[in-house]
Amino acid sequence: MKPENSEQSPLAEQLNQVFVRPSGRAIDEMRQVTFQTNIAPHANGSVLCSFGDTQVICAAMVEDRIPGWMRQQKVGGGWLTAEYSMLPYSTLTRKDRPISKGKQDGRNIEIQRLIGRSLRAVLDLKKFPDKTLWIDCDVLRADGGTRTASITGAWLATRIAINGLLEKGKLKEDPILDHLGAISAGVYNDRCVLDLDYPEDRDASVDANVVMTGSGKFVEIQSSGEEATYSRTQLDELLALSEKGIGELVEMQKSHL
């Protein structure tokens, strides 16, 4: 029998501690996700996508022309391109607009390229002839995961825009091949967790952003140690968490259509 006045060893105390995320969520629990459609009436399709306190307006607009390089190279079909920006009041301290500095923001460029190539992975642009689909993602409030919210919301905005073109007879075939979603995961306090908010993203030793199709295929995996290393087991766990989260996001997209 254990003596009443005995104390647990430090290791036993550590093992008995309950892991708690800053938000109180379970390790595989996402923040509340909402989609408010038709937020921008002049766009062909638009969504205010919220992952917890992260809010991004995603808008899709169609132009009846293609880029000059496509005409010059006689490339058939259409094109999709994306732009991403964080509004000055989206963060705790004011974020300068890139134009005020007279140069592009490297992070913005990297994210908008990610958004563009992710969406192009699930579109057959041959079925979108002589048109350009512009995707604009503007962050209203940043609390972690702005790129993953942008991709998830941009797909829904694209779906709405394409539906409109099909209904009006401006497209003969549906160019969208599959759903698309994205989510973050990371190692926080030595535990793999899903959908990092800002406190977790700031202190995570490993950060990952995963993009997948509705049928479960990977589009892109961005994963890096923040001055740290991680194991194959941890990577597998991060991917499993991401797959679960993206499956839930796809079901939410379907419920709005």
Protein backbone atom coordinates (compact mmCIF):
# COMPACT_ATOMS: atom_id res chain seq x y z
CA MET A 1 0.00 0.00 0.00
CA LYS A 2 1.25 3.49 -0.90
CA PRO A 3 2.15 5.57 2.19
CA GLU A 4 -0.16 8.55 2.72
CA ASN A 5 2.71 11.02 2.96
CA SER A 6 4.60 9.78 -0.12
CA GLU A 7 5.09 12.12 -3.07
CA GLN A 8 5.01 11.31 -6.77
CA SER A 9 8.29 11.41 -8.67
CA PRO A 10 8.69 14.30 -11.16
CA LEU A 11 8.32 11.82 -14.02
CA ALA A 12 5.09 10.41 -12.58
CA GLU A 13 3.72 13.89 -12.09
CA GLN A 14 4.57 14.73 -15.70
CA LEU A 15 2.87 11.60 -17.01
CA ASN A 16 -0.25 12.33 -14.97
CA GLN A 17 -0.55 15.89 -16.18
CA VAL A 18 -3.41 16.47 -18.62
CA PHE A 19 -2.35 18.15 -21.85
CA VAL A 20 -4.35 21.36 -22.32
CA ARG A 21 -4.36 23.55 -25.42
CA PRO A 22 -4.68 27.33 -24.88
CA SER A 23 -8.17 27.17 -26.42
CA GLY A 24 -9.17 24.07 -24.43
CA ARG A 25 -9.77 22.10 -27.63
CA ALA A 26 -8.95 18.41 -28.06
CA ILE A 27 -5.81 17.67 -30.07
CA ASP A 28 -7.88 16.69 -33.14
CA GLU A 29 -10.52 19.40 -32.75
CA MET A 30 -10.73 22.31 -35.17
CA ARG A 31 -11.87 25.78 -34.30
CA GLN A 32 -15.43 26.68 -35.23
CA VAL A 33 -15.55 27.00 -39.01
CA THR A 34 -18.21 29.10 -40.75
CA PHE A 35 -18.89 30.15 -44.33
CA GLN A 36 -20.93 33.27 -45.09
CA THR A 37 -21.60 33.21 -48.82
CA ASN A 38 -22.29 36.10 -51.20
CA ILE A 39 -20.45 38.56 -48.97
CA ALA A 40 -19.25 40.58 -52.00
CA PRO A 41 -22.22 41.16 -54.34
CA HIS A 42 -20.15 42.30 -57.34
CA ALA A 43 -18.09 39.11 -57.41
CA ASN A 44 -19.21 36.00 -59.28
CA GLY A 45 -18.76 34.06 -56.06
CA SER A 46 -17.70 35.13 -52.57
CA VAL A 47 -17.33 33.71 -49.08
CA LEU A 48 -16.39 35.09 -45.69
CA CYS A 49 -14.46 32.09 -44.36
CA SER A 50 -13.85 31.96 -40.61
CA PHE A 51 -11.59 29.54 -38.77
CA GLY A 52 -12.23 30.67 -35.21
CA ASP A 53 -11.09 34.29 -35.02
CA THR A 54 -9.33 34.11 -38.40
CA GLN A 55 -11.54 35.72 -41.04
CA VAL A 56 -10.82 35.88 -44.76
CA ILE A 57 -12.97 37.26 -47.56
CA CYS A 58 -12.52 35.02 -50.60
CA ALA A 59 -13.92 36.31 -53.90
CA ALA A 60 -13.95 34.85 -57.41
CA MET A 61 -14.37 37.06 -60.48
CA VAL A 62 -14.43 35.95 -64.13
CA GLU A 63 -12.90 37.86 -67.03
CA ASP A 64 -13.57 36.94 -70.65
CA ARG A 65 -9.92 37.02 -71.63
CA ILE A 66 -6.75 35.08 -70.98
CA PRO A 67 -3.23 36.21 -70.11
CA GLY A 68 -1.01 37.42 -72.95
CA TRP A 69 1.46 34.56 -72.50
CA MET A 70 -1.32 32.06 -73.23
CA ARG A 71 -2.23 33.81 -76.47
CA GLN A 72 1.41 34.10 -77.51
CA GLN A 73 2.12 30.44 -76.78
CA LYS A 74 -1.26 29.37 -78.21
CA VAL A 75 -2.21 27.55 -75.03
CA GLY A 76 -5.82 26.38 -75.09
CA GLY A 77 -8.34 26.67 -72.29
CA GLY A 78 -8.49 29.28 -69.54
CA TRP A 79 -6.52 30.36 -66.51
CA LEU A 80 -6.85 30.84 -62.76
CA THR A 81 -4.73 33.18 -60.69
CA ALA A 82 -4.88 34.31 -57.06
CA GLU A 83 -3.97 37.32 -54.97
CA TYR A 84 -3.63 37.40 -51.18
CA SER A 85 -3.29 40.29 -48.79
CA MET A 86 -3.64 41.09 -45.12
CA LEU A 87 -5.56 44.27 -44.39
CA PRO A 88 -3.74 46.79 -42.18
CA TYR A 89 -6.10 46.18 -39.25
CA SER A 90 -6.03 42.37 -39.48
CA THR A 91 -3.26 42.01 -36.88
CA LEU A 92 -2.65 43.33 -33.37
CA THR A 93 -0.37 46.06 -34.69
CA ARG A 94 -1.06 47.84 -37.96
CA LYS A 95 0.37 46.06 -40.98
CA ASP A 96 1.56 48.38 -43.74
CA ARG A 97 0.15 47.86 -47.20
CA PRO A 98 2.84 46.61 -49.61
CA ILE A 99 2.17 49.55 -51.93
CA SER A 100 3.17 51.96 -49.16
CA LYS A 101 6.62 50.35 -49.12
CA GLY A 102 6.91 50.41 -52.89
CA LYS A 103 7.54 46.67 -53.13
CA GLN A 104 5.75 43.34 -52.97
CA ASP A 105 5.48 41.40 -49.71
CA GLY A 106 7.39 38.13 -50.09
CA ARG A 107 5.05 36.25 -47.76
CA ASN A 108 1.99 37.45 -49.69
CA ILE A 109 3.54 36.29 -52.97
CA GLU A 110 4.34 32.85 -51.55
CA ILE A 111 0.80 32.39 -50.19
CA GLN A 112 -1.01 33.60 -53.31
CA ARG A 113 1.04 31.21 -55.42
CA LEU A 114 0.05 28.40 -53.07
CA ILE A 115 -3.63 29.35 -53.38
CA GLY A 116 -3.42 29.50 -57.18
CA ARG A 117 -1.67 26.20 -57.74
CA SER A 118 -3.89 24.45 -55.18
CA LEU A 119 -7.06 25.50 -57.00
CA ARG A 120 -5.61 24.71 -60.42
CA ALA A 121 -4.98 21.16 -59.17
CA VAL A 122 -8.74 20.55 -59.00
CA LEU A 123 -9.76 22.41 -62.17
CA ASP A 124 -9.70 21.25 -65.78
CA LEU A 125 -8.81 24.56 -67.38
CA LYS A 126 -9.47 23.14 -70.84
CA LYS A 127 -13.16 23.30 -69.88
CA PHE A 128 -12.80 27.00 -69.02
CA PRO A 129 -11.96 28.36 -72.48
CA ASP A 130 -10.87 31.96 -73.05
CA LYS A 131 -11.58 33.00 -69.47
CA THR A 132 -9.54 33.98 -66.44
CA LEU A 133 -10.80 33.30 -62.94
CA TRP A 134 -9.38 35.78 -60.45
CA ILE A 135 -9.29 34.71 -56.81
CA ASP A 136 -8.84 37.48 -54.23
CA CYS A 137 -8.26 36.54 -50.59
CA ASP A 138 -8.24 39.45 -48.14
CA VAL A 139 -7.57 38.74 -44.48
CA LEU A 140 -9.86 40.72 -42.20
CA ARG A 141 -8.55 39.19 -38.99
CA ALA A 142 -5.51 37.00 -38.49
CA ASP A 143 -5.36 34.46 -35.67
CA GLY A 144 -3.38 31.69 -37.33
CA GLY A 145 -4.15 29.62 -40.42
CA THR A 146 -4.88 32.45 -42.86
CA ARG A 147 -3.52 30.55 -45.86
CA THR A 148 -5.52 27.42 -45.09
CA ALA A 149 -8.71 29.42 -44.55
CA SER A 150 -8.01 31.23 -47.83
CA ILE A 151 -7.70 28.00 -49.80
CA THR A 152 -10.78 26.42 -48.24
CA GLY A 153 -12.91 29.54 -48.72
CA ALA A 154 -11.54 30.20 -52.22
CA TRP A 155 -12.66 26.77 -53.40
CA LEU A 156 -16.19 27.49 -52.21
CA ALA A 157 -16.16 30.92 -53.88
CA THR A 158 -14.93 29.26 -57.09
CA ARG A 159 -17.69 26.64 -56.90
CA ILE A 160 -20.33 29.37 -56.56
CA ALA A 161 -18.86 31.30 -59.50
CA ILE A 162 -18.70 28.24 -61.74
CA ASN A 163 -22.26 27.27 -60.83
CA GLY A 164 -23.39 30.71 -61.99
CA LEU A 165 -21.61 30.36 -65.34
CA LEU A 166 -23.11 26.91 -65.88
CA GLU A 167 -26.61 28.15 -65.06
CA LYS A 168 -26.25 31.02 -67.55
CA GLY A 169 -24.93 28.73 -70.27
CA LYS A 170 -21.52 30.44 -70.36
CA LEU A 171 -19.78 27.11 -69.78
CA LYS A 172 -20.57 23.84 -71.51
CA GLU A 173 -18.94 21.58 -68.93
CA ASP A 174 -18.12 21.79 -65.26
CA PRO A 175 -14.34 22.32 -64.95
CA ILE A 176 -14.18 21.53 -61.22
CA LEU A 177 -12.83 18.03 -60.67
CA ASP A 178 -12.99 17.73 -56.88
CA HIS A 179 -13.42 19.52 -53.58
CA LEU A 180 -10.41 21.21 -51.99
CA GLY A 181 -9.57 21.99 -48.39
CA ALA A 182 -6.56 22.99 -46.32
CA ILE A 183 -5.71 22.91 -42.64
CA SER A 184 -2.74 23.50 -40.38
CA ALA A 185 -1.25 21.11 -37.84
CA GLY A 186 1.79 21.29 -35.64
CA VAL A 187 3.74 20.10 -32.64
CA TYR A 188 2.87 22.19 -29.60
CA ASN A 189 4.36 21.33 -26.22
CA ASP A 190 5.53 18.00 -27.71
CA ARG A 191 2.01 17.05 -28.83
CA CYS A 192 0.65 16.96 -32.36
CA VAL A 193 -2.42 19.19 -32.65
CA LEU A 194 -4.83 20.21 -35.39
CA ASP A 195 -5.68 23.73 -36.63
CA LEU A 196 -3.24 25.99 -34.80
CA ASP A 197 -4.47 29.36 -33.56
CA TYR A 198 -2.02 32.21 -33.02
CA PRO A 199 -0.73 31.25 -29.52
CA GLU A 200 -0.01 27.71 -30.74
CA ASP A 201 1.41 28.84 -34.08
CA ARG A 202 3.73 31.27 -32.29
CA ASP A 203 5.11 28.64 -29.90
CA ALA A 204 4.94 25.49 -32.04
CA SER A 205 8.18 23.60 -32.59
CA VAL A 206 6.85 22.17 -35.87
CA ASP A 207 4.39 23.79 -38.25
CA ALA A 208 2.60 22.14 -41.17
CA ASN A 209 0.07 23.29 -43.76
CA VAL A 210 -1.67 20.53 -45.70
CA VAL A 211 -3.83 20.84 -48.84
CA MET A 212 -5.97 17.89 -49.96
CA THR A 213 -8.77 17.08 -52.36
CA GLY A 214 -12.16 15.81 -51.33
CA SER A 215 -11.20 12.34 -52.56
CA GLY A 216 -8.27 12.26 -50.14
CA LYS A 217 -5.36 13.06 -52.44
CA PHE A 218 -2.60 15.41 -51.35
CA VAL A 219 -2.05 18.63 -53.29
CA GLU A 220 0.67 20.16 -51.16
CA ILE A 221 2.38 19.59 -47.81
CA GLN A 222 4.38 22.39 -46.22
CA SER A 223 6.07 21.15 -43.06
CA SER A 224 9.08 22.51 -41.20
CA GLY A 225 10.69 22.48 -37.80
CA GLU A 226 10.95 25.90 -36.18
CA GLU A 227 14.60 25.49 -35.21
CA ALA A 228 13.67 21.95 -34.20
CA THR A 229 13.47 18.45 -35.63
CA TYR A 230 10.62 15.95 -35.71
CA SER A 231 10.22 12.24 -36.24
CA ARG A 232 8.55 10.22 -38.97
CA THR A 233 5.97 9.16 -36.37
CA GLN A 234 5.14 12.81 -35.66
CA LEU A 235 4.89 13.57 -39.39
CA ASP A 236 2.50 10.67 -39.87
CA GLU A 237 0.41 11.93 -36.95
CA LEU A 238 0.31 15.46 -38.38
CA LEU A 239 -0.87 14.10 -41.73
CA ALA A 240 -3.51 11.92 -40.07
CA LEU A 241 -4.83 14.92 -38.11
CA SER A 242 -4.87 17.02 -41.29
CA GLU A 243 -6.71 14.34 -43.24
CA LYS A 244 -9.38 14.21 -40.55
CA GLY A 245 -9.74 18.01 -40.48
CA ILE A 246 -9.93 18.40 -44.24
CA GLY A 247 -12.55 15.66 -44.42
CA GLU A 248 -14.67 17.71 -42.02
CA LEU A 249 -14.09 20.89 -44.05
CA VAL A 250 -15.21 19.18 -47.26
CA GLU A 251 -18.42 18.06 -45.59
CA MET A 252 -19.02 21.68 -44.48
CA GLN A 253 -18.48 22.86 -48.05
CA LYS A 254 -21.01 20.35 -49.31
CA SER A 255 -23.58 21.49 -46.75
CA HIS A 256 -23.40 25.03 -48.19
CA LEU A 257 -24.04 23.82 -51.74
